[in-house]
Protein backbone atom coordinates (compact mmCIF):
# COMPACT_ATOMS: atom_id res chain seq x y z
CA UNK A 1 -4.53 -8.71 194.91
CA UNK A 2 -4.20 -11.61 192.40
CA UNK A 3 -3.62 -10.59 189.07
CA UNK A 4 -5.46 -12.83 186.57
CA UNK A 5 -5.96 -13.07 182.71
CA UNK A 6 -9.56 -11.96 182.82
CA UNK A 7 -8.41 -9.01 185.17
CA UNK A 8 -5.36 -7.78 183.05
CA UNK A 9 -6.62 -8.45 179.46
CA UNK A 10 -8.50 -5.11 179.39
CA UNK A 11 -5.39 -3.25 180.17
CA UNK A 12 -3.62 -4.38 177.14
CA UNK A 13 -2.39 -1.32 175.14
CA UNK A 14 -2.29 0.69 178.21
CA UNK A 15 0.74 2.42 179.73
CA UNK A 16 2.46 1.45 183.28
CA UNK A 17 5.15 3.10 184.77
CA UNK A 18 8.17 1.44 186.19
CA UNK A 19 10.41 3.24 188.74
CA UNK A 20 14.23 2.71 188.03
CA UNK A 21 17.42 4.11 189.14
CA UNK A 22 17.16 6.41 185.89
CA UNK A 23 13.35 7.81 186.96
CA UNK A 24 10.44 6.58 186.00
CA UNK A 25 10.18 4.44 182.62
CA UNK A 26 6.92 3.94 180.63
CA UNK A 27 6.06 0.47 179.53
CA UNK A 28 3.12 -0.56 177.46
CA UNK A 29 1.49 -4.03 178.15
CA UNK A 30 1.32 -5.54 174.82
CA UNK A 31 0.46 -9.20 175.76
CA UNK A 32 -1.11 -11.31 178.65
CA UNK A 33 -1.64 -15.13 178.49
CA UNK A 34 -2.05 -17.86 180.59
CA UNK A 35 0.69 -20.88 180.23
CA UNK A 36 0.45 -24.40 180.30
CA UNK A 37 -0.46 -25.59 183.87
CA UNK A 38 2.12 -28.61 183.38
CA UNK A 39 0.55 -31.14 185.75
CA UNK A 40 -0.07 -28.15 188.62
CA UNK A 41 -2.16 -29.13 191.36
CA UNK A 42 -5.52 -27.35 191.53
CA UNK A 43 -4.59 -25.64 194.40
CA UNK A 44 -1.98 -23.63 192.43
CA UNK A 45 -2.73 -20.58 189.99
CA UNK A 46 -2.22 -21.09 186.64
CA UNK A 47 0.97 -19.41 185.44
CA UNK A 48 0.56 -15.87 183.77
CA UNK A 49 2.91 -14.03 181.74
CA UNK A 50 2.77 -10.45 180.69
CA UNK A 51 4.73 -8.76 177.90
CA UNK A 52 5.62 -4.98 178.09
CA UNK A 53 7.07 -3.02 175.35
CA UNK A 54 9.90 -0.43 176.69
CA UNK A 55 11.23 2.76 175.27
CA UNK A 56 14.04 2.61 172.79
CA UNK A 57 16.08 4.93 175.12
CA UNK A 58 16.52 3.02 178.33
CA UNK A 59 17.45 -0.52 178.43
CA UNK A 60 16.37 -2.29 181.98
CA UNK A 61 18.28 -4.89 183.50
CA UNK A 62 16.29 -8.22 184.96
CA UNK A 63 15.71 -6.85 188.35
CA UNK A 64 12.40 -6.08 190.72
CA UNK A 65 10.78 -2.72 189.84
CA UNK A 66 8.04 -0.98 191.39
CA UNK A 67 5.43 -0.83 188.74
CA UNK A 68 2.41 1.07 188.82
CA UNK A 69 -0.79 1.61 186.96
CA UNK A 70 -3.91 3.80 187.61
CA UNK A 71 -6.35 0.70 187.99
CA UNK A 72 -3.87 -1.66 189.62
CA UNK A 73 -2.10 0.63 192.32
CA UNK A 74 1.66 -0.12 192.72
CA UNK A 75 3.44 -3.41 193.05
CA UNK A 76 6.92 -5.11 192.84
CA UNK A 77 7.38 -7.05 190.10
CA UNK A 78 10.29 -8.70 188.43
CA UNK A 79 10.98 -7.78 185.01
CA UNK A 80 12.92 -9.72 182.79
CA UNK A 81 14.57 -8.64 179.09
CA UNK A 82 13.28 -10.97 176.28
CA UNK A 83 14.47 -11.34 172.87
CA UNK A 84 13.22 -8.54 170.53
CA UNK A 85 11.74 -9.74 167.15
CA UNK A 86 14.66 -10.28 165.01
CA UNK A 87 13.09 -9.11 161.55
CA UNK A 88 13.74 -5.48 163.11
CA UNK A 89 17.08 -5.89 164.39
CA UNK A 90 18.00 -7.53 160.88
CA UNK A 91 16.85 -4.68 158.96
CA UNK A 92 19.19 -2.13 160.97
CA UNK A 93 15.97 -0.50 162.48
CA UNK A 94 16.27 0.43 166.15
CA UNK A 95 14.85 -2.50 168.47
CA UNK A 96 12.35 -1.59 171.06
CA UNK A 97 12.69 -3.76 173.80
CA UNK A 98 10.26 -6.22 175.34
CA UNK A 99 10.15 -7.36 179.06
CA UNK A 100 8.12 -10.36 180.51
CA UNK A 101 6.89 -10.65 184.04
CA UNK A 102 5.79 -14.20 184.93
CA UNK A 103 3.12 -15.02 187.74
CA UNK A 104 3.42 -18.59 188.70
């Protein structure tokens, strides 16, 4: 299955489950966007970025995780932590981690 922006966009706001060494961790898809092609030949897909919000209680390292969703099934995706919004951390409030999955 090829993940496309058209296919994944309706799932923004839905919950995905990541299988980790700590058990299952719930992630919420918060954003999906196509990235600049930067001269890629037409034979290559347009790069796609998915942003997930994770729980405050578990911080995941960059790694490959089995990610499942009722509509997508189960896939192995590389999750990478990304910097949280600085407004939350500067205020002293707990920072909810965000993660990115890139498809190129």
